[in-house]
Amino acid sequence: MPSRSDVEAELHHARLKRFGPRWRRALKRAARFAKAYYYRVVDKPSVSFIVQGDPPDEYGRALYAVCRSILRALLDQLGKDELEIIQSDRDQVSMKQLAYVARLDRDKGMRGDGFEWAVHEALIGHESRVADLVGHAMNRASKHIGNGAVPTSVMFGYERAKHLGFMDAVVDEAGTDARLLPDGRGRPFRFGPWVRAAAGGPDSVLLQGTRIEQIWKTDLFVTDAVGERYLAATVKSQWRQLEGGKGLRLAIVPEAKDLKAGVTFNKRTGLWMVALPDPDGFMGLFNDAYSAVAEAIYALGKHTQSKYWSKPSAKAQKIQDQLIKAASSSVMEIEDALNDAAQQNLVSIQTQLVPVQAPPWLHLGKAAPKVLAPKPTFARID
């Protein structure tokens, strides 16, 4: 392997002999030496790629995500009276304060709200236990949504519309081109103006006499990846409590002993009904997560303990213990921590050697370059 000094010596010799008969041969030898030097074999640069690690529907990670949804729903349920009692703003409420004002046995609606939040975030996160069935139901409900649609959702609920900025956030998330697809024939409705009208609830004058007169009952607006056609969906934790109405298209409920999991059309309500599998599907996951959060609230709030047969699984009990240890932390901070935990092992680092064929004008140094992507660190959940 010629060195840089050898190449420089040959070039210098060629310049000295340029007027002699040997100058052409000298330049050719110098060119061969230069080519050997600049194209020598070097160490290939190692490049680190971020690739998917564990599958995104792994049970432990999904358990963290559902627990986060349930806590968010419980915090969302706190009214003005509860916040005055604990003398705290909503974003500063600690886990222990939430446990003292929560009444899970008395307020059955908290479980329903937790289920609604869990379904919403499962759709946003493309959780296959929920997204596959909802996408199939959307295709059955509207010919404008293709088969195999990947659904996502926008949270609604006219009770939440009284919160400052909530309606603006809903309309902005849907976009200016969004349309509502009611049942029957006719032009679709523009999303923004009519959703604002739905915020008025059953007394909204603008909705009366239209094909979406009862769209105020909507819990979620679901759409496909394009995000221009929305269907109104209602979410209930008990399928017998379902109510239809003009403008509603879908219903999302858990499986029951008299309701088989899957997608069916409910003639009584006129809705395409998605029954989430239990216990092997999403409902088993939700029940396990709800039991973990409930047991933590029972312990911190000094409530009467739940029935012994409704205890969470071993994995969920680990989350229960972590929630109890975080009693003095705010619920918002716990939600962030649960969100981080739900992402653990979602990606991994994979290092590969990439060959580089340098162009003639590129001078490679002796040290091989090393290209690194950011390496996230996540705590194990199992």
Protein backbone atom coordinates (compact mmCIF):
# COMPACT_ATOMS: atom_id res chain seq x y z
CA MET A 1 0.00 0.00 0.00
CA PRO A 2 1.74 3.26 -1.09
CA SER A 3 1.92 6.09 1.42
CA ARG A 4 1.10 9.75 0.84
CA SER A 5 4.84 10.56 0.66
CA ASP A 6 5.33 7.99 -2.15
CA VAL A 7 2.54 9.57 -4.17
CA GLU A 8 3.89 13.09 -3.63
CA ALA A 9 7.40 11.92 -4.65
CA GLU A 10 6.14 10.40 -7.88
CA LEU A 11 4.18 13.57 -8.74
CA HIS A 12 7.24 15.69 -8.03
CA HIS A 13 9.38 13.41 -10.20
CA ALA A 14 6.85 13.71 -13.01
CA ARG A 15 6.89 17.51 -12.84
CA LEU A 16 10.70 17.53 -13.01
CA LYS A 17 10.78 15.25 -16.05
CA ARG A 18 7.81 16.83 -17.84
CA PHE A 19 10.04 18.00 -20.66
CA GLY A 20 11.81 14.64 -21.03
CA PRO A 21 10.72 11.53 -22.94
CA ARG A 22 9.68 9.75 -19.71
CA TRP A 23 7.15 12.30 -18.42
CA ARG A 24 4.06 10.47 -19.78
CA ARG A 25 5.10 7.18 -18.16
CA ALA A 26 5.85 8.97 -14.86
CA LEU A 27 2.39 10.60 -14.78
CA LYS A 28 0.73 7.26 -15.44
CA ARG A 29 2.61 5.66 -12.55
CA ALA A 30 1.63 8.57 -10.30
CA ALA A 31 -2.01 8.19 -11.28
CA ARG A 32 -1.91 4.49 -10.41
CA PHE A 33 -0.38 5.23 -7.01
CA ALA A 34 -2.98 7.95 -6.32
CA LYS A 35 -5.87 5.67 -7.25
CA ALA A 36 -4.55 2.92 -4.99
CA TYR A 37 -4.24 5.41 -2.12
CA TYR A 38 -7.60 7.18 -2.37
CA TYR A 39 -9.59 4.00 -3.10
CA ARG A 40 -7.97 1.80 -0.51
CA VAL A 41 -10.18 -0.53 1.54
CA VAL A 42 -11.40 1.27 4.67
CA ASP A 43 -13.55 0.19 7.59
CA LYS A 44 -17.22 0.44 6.69
CA PRO A 45 -19.11 3.05 8.72
CA SER A 46 -21.53 1.58 11.25
CA VAL A 47 -25.01 3.12 11.14
CA SER A 48 -27.53 2.58 13.92
CA PHE A 49 -31.15 2.21 12.79
CA ILE A 50 -34.22 2.54 15.00
CA VAL A 51 -36.51 -0.39 14.29
CA GLN A 52 -39.68 -1.73 15.85
CA GLY A 53 -39.02 -3.96 18.82
CA ASP A 54 -41.89 -5.68 20.57
CA PRO A 55 -45.25 -5.75 18.80
CA PRO A 56 -47.34 -2.66 19.67
CA ASP A 57 -50.24 -4.75 21.00
CA GLU A 58 -48.14 -6.43 23.71
CA TYR A 59 -50.32 -6.92 26.79
CA GLY A 60 -48.25 -5.14 29.42
CA ARG A 61 -47.81 -2.00 27.33
CA ALA A 62 -51.48 -1.93 26.42
CA LEU A 63 -52.33 -2.31 30.11
CA TYR A 64 -50.38 0.84 30.92
CA ALA A 65 -52.16 2.74 28.14
CA VAL A 66 -55.64 1.74 29.33
CA CYS A 67 -54.80 2.65 32.95
CA ARG A 68 -53.79 6.08 31.67
CA SER A 69 -57.14 6.44 29.89
CA ILE A 70 -59.08 5.48 33.03
CA LEU A 71 -57.19 7.98 35.19
CA ARG A 72 -57.78 10.68 32.59
CA ALA A 73 -61.51 9.96 32.64
CA LEU A 74 -61.64 10.07 36.45
CA LEU A 75 -59.83 13.41 36.47
CA ASP A 76 -62.13 14.71 33.74
CA GLN A 77 -65.16 13.82 35.92
CA LEU A 78 -64.15 16.10 38.78
CA GLY A 79 -66.58 18.98 38.99
CA LYS A 80 -66.38 22.39 40.60
CA ASP A 81 -67.57 21.10 43.97
CA GLU A 82 -64.95 18.38 44.17
CA LEU A 83 -62.17 20.80 43.21
CA GLU A 84 -63.35 23.24 45.90
CA ILE A 85 -63.33 20.48 48.52
CA ILE A 86 -59.76 19.45 47.83
CA GLN A 87 -58.77 23.10 47.14
CA SER A 88 -56.77 22.35 44.04
CA ASP A 89 -56.77 23.13 40.35
CA ARG A 90 -57.48 20.23 38.05
CA ASP A 91 -53.92 19.99 36.75
CA GLN A 92 -52.56 19.90 40.32
CA VAL A 93 -54.82 17.16 41.72
CA SER A 94 -52.72 14.43 43.32
CA MET A 95 -53.47 10.72 43.20
CA LYS A 96 -54.39 10.73 46.89
CA GLN A 97 -56.77 13.69 46.45
CA LEU A 98 -58.44 11.96 43.52
CA ALA A 99 -58.85 8.82 45.62
CA TYR A 100 -60.55 10.75 48.43
CA VAL A 101 -63.25 12.30 46.20
CA ALA A 102 -63.76 9.34 43.83
CA ARG A 103 -66.74 7.08 44.57
CA LEU A 104 -66.45 4.19 42.18
CA ASP A 105 -69.20 2.06 43.74
CA ARG A 106 -71.66 4.94 43.91
CA ASP A 107 -70.96 6.65 40.60
CA LYS A 108 -71.33 3.90 38.02
CA GLY A 109 -70.84 6.48 35.26
CA MET A 110 -67.14 6.69 36.03
CA ARG A 111 -66.63 3.22 34.65
CA GLY A 112 -68.51 4.16 31.50
CA ASP A 113 -66.44 7.31 31.04
CA GLY A 114 -63.27 5.29 31.56
CA PHE A 115 -64.43 2.85 28.89
CA GLU A 116 -65.17 5.75 26.52
CA TRP A 117 -61.69 7.24 26.99
CA ALA A 118 -60.07 3.83 26.59
CA VAL A 119 -61.87 3.18 23.29
CA HIS A 120 -60.96 6.66 22.03
CA GLU A 121 -57.27 6.26 22.79
CA ALA A 122 -57.24 2.70 21.48
CA LEU A 123 -58.47 4.04 18.13
CA ILE A 124 -55.89 6.82 18.12
CA GLY A 125 -53.16 4.30 18.94
CA HIS A 126 -54.45 1.84 16.29
CA GLU A 127 -54.95 -0.89 18.87
CA SER A 128 -55.92 -3.88 16.74
CA ARG A 129 -58.35 -5.25 19.35
CA VAL A 130 -60.56 -2.22 18.70
CA ALA A 131 -59.48 -0.70 15.38
CA ASP A 132 -60.10 -3.78 13.23
CA LEU A 133 -63.72 -4.16 14.33
CA VAL A 134 -64.50 -0.43 14.18
CA GLY A 135 -62.96 -0.15 10.70
CA HIS A 136 -65.14 -3.03 9.51
CA ALA A 137 -68.25 -1.38 10.98
CA MET A 138 -67.42 1.94 9.29
CA ASN A 139 -67.24 0.18 5.95
CA ARG A 140 -70.63 -1.45 6.56
CA ALA A 141 -72.19 1.86 7.64
CA SER A 142 -70.97 3.97 4.70
CA LYS A 143 -70.04 3.14 1.15
CA HIS A 144 -67.71 6.15 1.14
CA ILE A 145 -65.34 4.44 3.57
CA GLY A 146 -63.39 1.59 2.02
CA ASN A 147 -62.81 -1.89 3.32
CA GLY A 148 -59.83 -2.21 5.64
CA ALA A 149 -60.07 1.41 6.81
CA VAL A 150 -57.73 2.41 9.64
CA PRO A 151 -59.99 4.33 12.00
CA THR A 152 -59.20 7.19 14.32
CA SER A 153 -61.50 9.27 16.48
CA VAL A 154 -62.25 12.72 17.85
CA MET A 155 -63.59 12.91 21.40
CA PHE A 156 -66.95 14.64 21.84
CA GLY A 157 -69.74 14.61 24.44
CA TYR A 158 -71.87 17.73 24.71
CA GLU A 159 -71.31 17.78 28.48
CA ARG A 160 -67.65 18.60 27.79
CA ALA A 161 -68.54 21.42 25.40
CA LYS A 162 -68.95 23.81 28.31
CA HIS A 163 -65.21 23.63 28.99
CA LEU A 164 -63.34 26.60 27.61
CA GLY A 165 -61.68 25.84 24.27
CA PHE A 166 -63.05 22.30 23.98
CA MET A 167 -65.19 22.90 20.89
CA ASP A 168 -62.44 24.85 19.14
CA ALA A 169 -60.06 21.94 19.73
CA VAL A 170 -62.58 19.43 18.34
CA VAL A 171 -63.25 21.46 15.18
CA ASP A 172 -59.55 22.20 14.62
CA GLU A 173 -58.67 18.53 14.98
CA ALA A 174 -61.23 17.55 12.34
CA GLY A 175 -60.10 20.22 9.86
CA THR A 176 -61.94 22.54 7.50
CA ASP A 177 -62.71 19.87 4.89
CA ALA A 178 -64.42 17.49 7.33
CA ARG A 179 -68.00 16.39 6.67
CA LEU A 180 -70.56 14.48 8.74
CA LEU A 181 -72.17 11.50 7.02
CA PRO A 182 -75.71 10.97 8.29
CA ASP A 183 -77.94 8.09 7.29
CA GLY A 184 -80.03 8.29 4.15
CA ARG A 185 -79.56 10.31 0.99
CA GLY A 186 -78.56 13.93 0.68
CA ARG A 187 -75.56 16.17 0.99
CA PRO A 188 -73.25 15.67 3.97
CA PHE A 189 -73.09 18.27 6.70
CA ARG A 190 -70.08 20.49 7.31
CA PHE A 191 -68.37 19.33 10.48
CA GLY A 192 -67.55 22.61 12.23
CA PRO A 193 -70.87 24.51 12.28
CA TRP A 194 -73.04 21.48 13.01
CA VAL A 195 -70.81 20.09 15.75
CA ARG A 196 -70.93 23.49 17.42
CA ALA A 197 -74.72 23.28 17.17
CA ALA A 198 -74.61 19.79 18.72
CA ALA A 199 -72.82 21.29 21.72
CA GLY A 200 -76.15 22.84 22.70
CA GLY A 201 -77.50 19.40 23.55
CA PRO A 202 -81.13 18.35 23.14
CA ASP A 203 -82.31 21.97 23.26
CA SER A 204 -80.32 23.03 20.20
CA VAL A 205 -82.71 24.82 17.85
CA LEU A 206 -80.47 24.46 14.79
CA LEU A 207 -80.62 20.66 14.92
CA GLN A 208 -84.39 20.39 15.06
CA GLY A 209 -85.94 18.94 11.92
CA THR A 210 -82.61 17.93 10.35
CA ARG A 211 -81.21 14.48 9.53
CA ILE A 212 -78.76 14.88 12.41
CA GLU A 213 -81.26 16.05 15.00
CA GLN A 214 -79.87 13.79 17.75
CA ILE A 215 -76.18 13.99 16.95
CA TRP A 216 -75.68 15.61 20.35
CA LYS A 217 -75.73 12.05 21.74
CA THR A 218 -72.37 11.40 20.04
CA ASP A 219 -69.46 10.26 22.20
CA LEU A 220 -66.88 9.85 19.42
CA PHE A 221 -66.61 11.03 15.83
CA VAL A 222 -64.74 8.32 13.92
CA THR A 223 -63.06 8.66 10.54
CA ASP A 224 -60.57 6.88 8.31
CA ALA A 225 -56.97 7.82 7.52
CA VAL A 226 -58.11 10.48 5.03
CA GLY A 227 -59.93 12.34 7.80
CA GLU A 228 -62.63 13.99 5.67
CA ARG A 229 -65.72 11.83 6.34
CA TYR A 230 -66.88 11.41 9.94
CA LEU A 231 -69.42 9.04 11.44
CA ALA A 232 -71.05 9.70 14.79
CA ALA A 233 -70.62 6.89 17.32
CA THR A 234 -72.05 6.28 20.76
CA VAL A 235 -70.09 4.30 23.38
CA LYS A 236 -71.82 2.39 26.18
CA SER A 237 -70.50 -0.04 28.76
CA GLN A 238 -73.89 -1.85 28.73
CA TRP A 239 -75.29 -2.65 25.32
CA ARG A 240 -78.91 -2.68 26.54
CA GLN A 241 -78.58 1.02 27.38
CA LEU A 242 -78.02 1.92 23.74
CA GLU A 243 -80.17 4.65 22.24
CA GLY A 244 -80.37 5.45 18.56
CA GLY A 245 -81.13 8.78 16.97
CA LYS A 246 -80.94 10.80 13.80
CA GLY A 247 -77.32 11.29 12.85
CA LEU A 248 -75.87 8.41 14.87
CA ARG A 249 -74.30 5.63 12.81
CA LEU A 250 -72.20 3.38 15.07
CA ALA A 251 -72.33 1.92 18.57
CA ILE A 252 -69.36 0.50 20.49
CA VAL A 253 -70.14 -1.82 23.41
CA PRO A 254 -68.51 -4.73 25.26
CA GLU A 255 -69.43 -8.33 24.57
CA ALA A 256 -72.14 -9.77 26.83
CA LYS A 257 -73.60 -13.18 27.50
CA ASP A 258 -76.47 -12.33 25.15
CA LEU A 259 -74.35 -10.41 22.65
CA LYS A 260 -71.70 -12.10 20.55
CA ALA A 261 -68.46 -10.25 19.75
CA GLY A 262 -68.21 -8.80 16.27
CA VAL A 263 -70.06 -6.35 14.03
CA THR A 264 -73.84 -6.59 13.70
CA PHE A 265 -76.73 -4.30 12.79
CA ASN A 266 -79.08 -3.45 15.66
CA LYS A 267 -82.58 -3.00 14.26
CA ARG A 268 -83.95 -1.44 17.46
CA THR A 269 -81.52 1.48 17.38
CA GLY A 270 -80.67 1.50 13.66
CA LEU A 271 -76.96 1.43 14.45
CA TRP A 272 -74.07 -0.74 13.32
CA MET A 273 -72.92 -2.21 16.59
CA VAL A 274 -69.33 -3.18 17.47
CA ALA A 275 -69.15 -5.67 20.34
CA LEU A 276 -65.61 -5.83 21.71
CA PRO A 277 -64.47 -9.34 22.71
CA ASP A 278 -64.39 -10.34 26.38
CA PRO A 279 -62.34 -11.70 28.11
CA ASP A 280 -59.73 -12.46 25.44
CA GLY A 281 -60.09 -9.15 23.63
CA PHE A 282 -60.15 -5.50 24.57
CA MET A 283 -62.76 -5.84 27.31
CA GLY A 284 -60.61 -8.29 29.25
CA LEU A 285 -57.76 -5.79 29.02
CA PHE A 286 -60.01 -2.90 30.12
CA ASN A 287 -61.47 -4.81 33.06
CA ASP A 288 -58.00 -5.76 34.26
CA ALA A 289 -56.76 -2.16 34.04
CA TYR A 290 -59.91 -0.79 35.70
CA SER A 291 -59.48 -3.23 38.58
CA ALA A 292 -55.89 -2.06 39.09
CA VAL A 293 -56.88 1.62 39.21
CA ALA A 294 -59.89 0.88 41.43
CA GLU A 295 -57.82 -1.08 43.95
CA ALA A 296 -55.31 1.78 44.15
CA ILE A 297 -58.12 4.29 44.74
CA TYR A 298 -59.71 2.04 47.39
CA ALA A 299 -56.40 1.84 49.24
CA LEU A 300 -55.46 5.53 49.03
CA GLY A 301 -58.97 6.83 49.71
CA LYS A 302 -59.56 4.36 52.55
CA HIS A 303 -62.74 3.05 50.92
CA THR A 304 -64.36 -0.30 51.50
CA GLN A 305 -62.36 -2.87 49.61
CA SER A 306 -63.84 -4.43 46.49
CA LYS A 307 -64.98 -8.02 46.14
CA TYR A 308 -62.19 -10.55 46.34
CA TRP A 309 -63.09 -12.13 43.00
CA SER A 310 -62.57 -8.87 41.09
CA LYS A 311 -58.88 -8.58 41.88
CA PRO A 312 -56.56 -7.51 39.05
CA SER A 313 -54.13 -9.90 37.40
CA ALA A 314 -50.50 -10.21 38.50
CA LYS A 315 -49.31 -7.72 35.89
CA ALA A 316 -52.06 -5.26 36.78
CA GLN A 317 -51.20 -5.58 40.47
CA LYS A 318 -47.74 -4.24 39.68
CA ILE A 319 -49.37 -1.12 38.24
CA GLN A 320 -51.62 -0.92 41.31
CA ASP A 321 -48.57 -0.91 43.61
CA GLN A 322 -46.87 1.79 41.52
CA LEU A 323 -49.99 3.99 41.68
CA ILE A 324 -50.11 3.65 45.47
CA LYS A 325 -46.44 4.60 45.77
CA ALA A 326 -47.12 7.71 43.63
CA ALA A 327 -49.85 8.95 45.97
CA SER A 328 -48.37 12.44 46.36
CA SER A 329 -47.73 12.91 42.63
CA SER A 330 -50.22 14.77 40.48
CA VAL A 331 -52.51 12.72 38.25
CA MET A 332 -51.17 14.59 35.22
CA GLU A 333 -47.62 13.52 36.07
CA ILE A 334 -48.78 9.93 36.55
CA GLU A 335 -50.47 10.05 33.14
CA ASP A 336 -47.19 11.17 31.55
CA ALA A 337 -45.31 8.39 33.31
CA LEU A 338 -47.87 5.81 32.17
CA ASN A 339 -47.58 7.14 28.64
CA ASP A 340 -43.80 6.72 28.75
CA ALA A 341 -44.17 3.22 30.17
CA ALA A 342 -46.62 2.31 27.41
CA GLN A 343 -43.88 3.05 24.86
CA GLN A 344 -41.18 0.85 26.39
CA ASN A 345 -39.47 -1.54 23.98
CA LEU A 346 -41.60 -0.15 21.17
CA VAL A 347 -38.36 0.56 19.29
CA SER A 348 -34.91 -0.99 19.45
CA ILE A 349 -31.48 -0.15 18.08
CA GLN A 350 -30.11 -2.21 15.23
CA THR A 351 -26.55 -1.60 14.00
CA GLN A 352 -25.54 -2.47 10.46
CA LEU A 353 -22.37 -1.98 8.40
CA VAL A 354 -23.09 0.04 5.30
CA PRO A 355 -20.66 -0.10 2.36
CA VAL A 356 -19.53 3.23 0.93
CA GLN A 357 -18.20 3.64 -2.61
CA ALA A 358 -16.55 7.04 -2.59
CA PRO A 359 -16.57 9.29 -5.66
CA PRO A 360 -13.17 10.34 -7.13
CA TRP A 361 -13.27 13.79 -5.48
CA LEU A 362 -13.88 12.43 -1.97
CA HIS A 363 -10.79 11.95 0.23
CA LEU A 364 -11.58 9.42 2.96
CA GLY A 365 -9.72 9.85 6.21
CA LYS A 366 -8.24 7.04 8.22
CA ALA A 367 -11.03 7.08 10.85
CA ALA A 368 -14.37 5.60 9.75
CA PRO A 369 -17.36 7.91 10.39
CA LYS A 370 -19.99 6.67 12.85
CA VAL A 371 -23.58 7.79 12.35
CA LEU A 372 -25.79 7.41 15.43
CA ALA A 373 -29.53 7.85 15.80
CA PRO A 374 -30.99 8.83 19.20
CA LYS A 375 -31.25 5.81 21.50
CA PRO A 376 -34.31 6.01 23.75
CA THR A 377 -34.32 4.18 27.07
CA PHE A 378 -37.51 2.73 28.46
CA ALA A 379 -38.16 0.84 31.67
CA ARG A 380 -39.27 -2.75 31.52
CA ILE A 381 -42.88 -3.35 32.45
CA ASP A 382 -42.78 -7.10 32.98
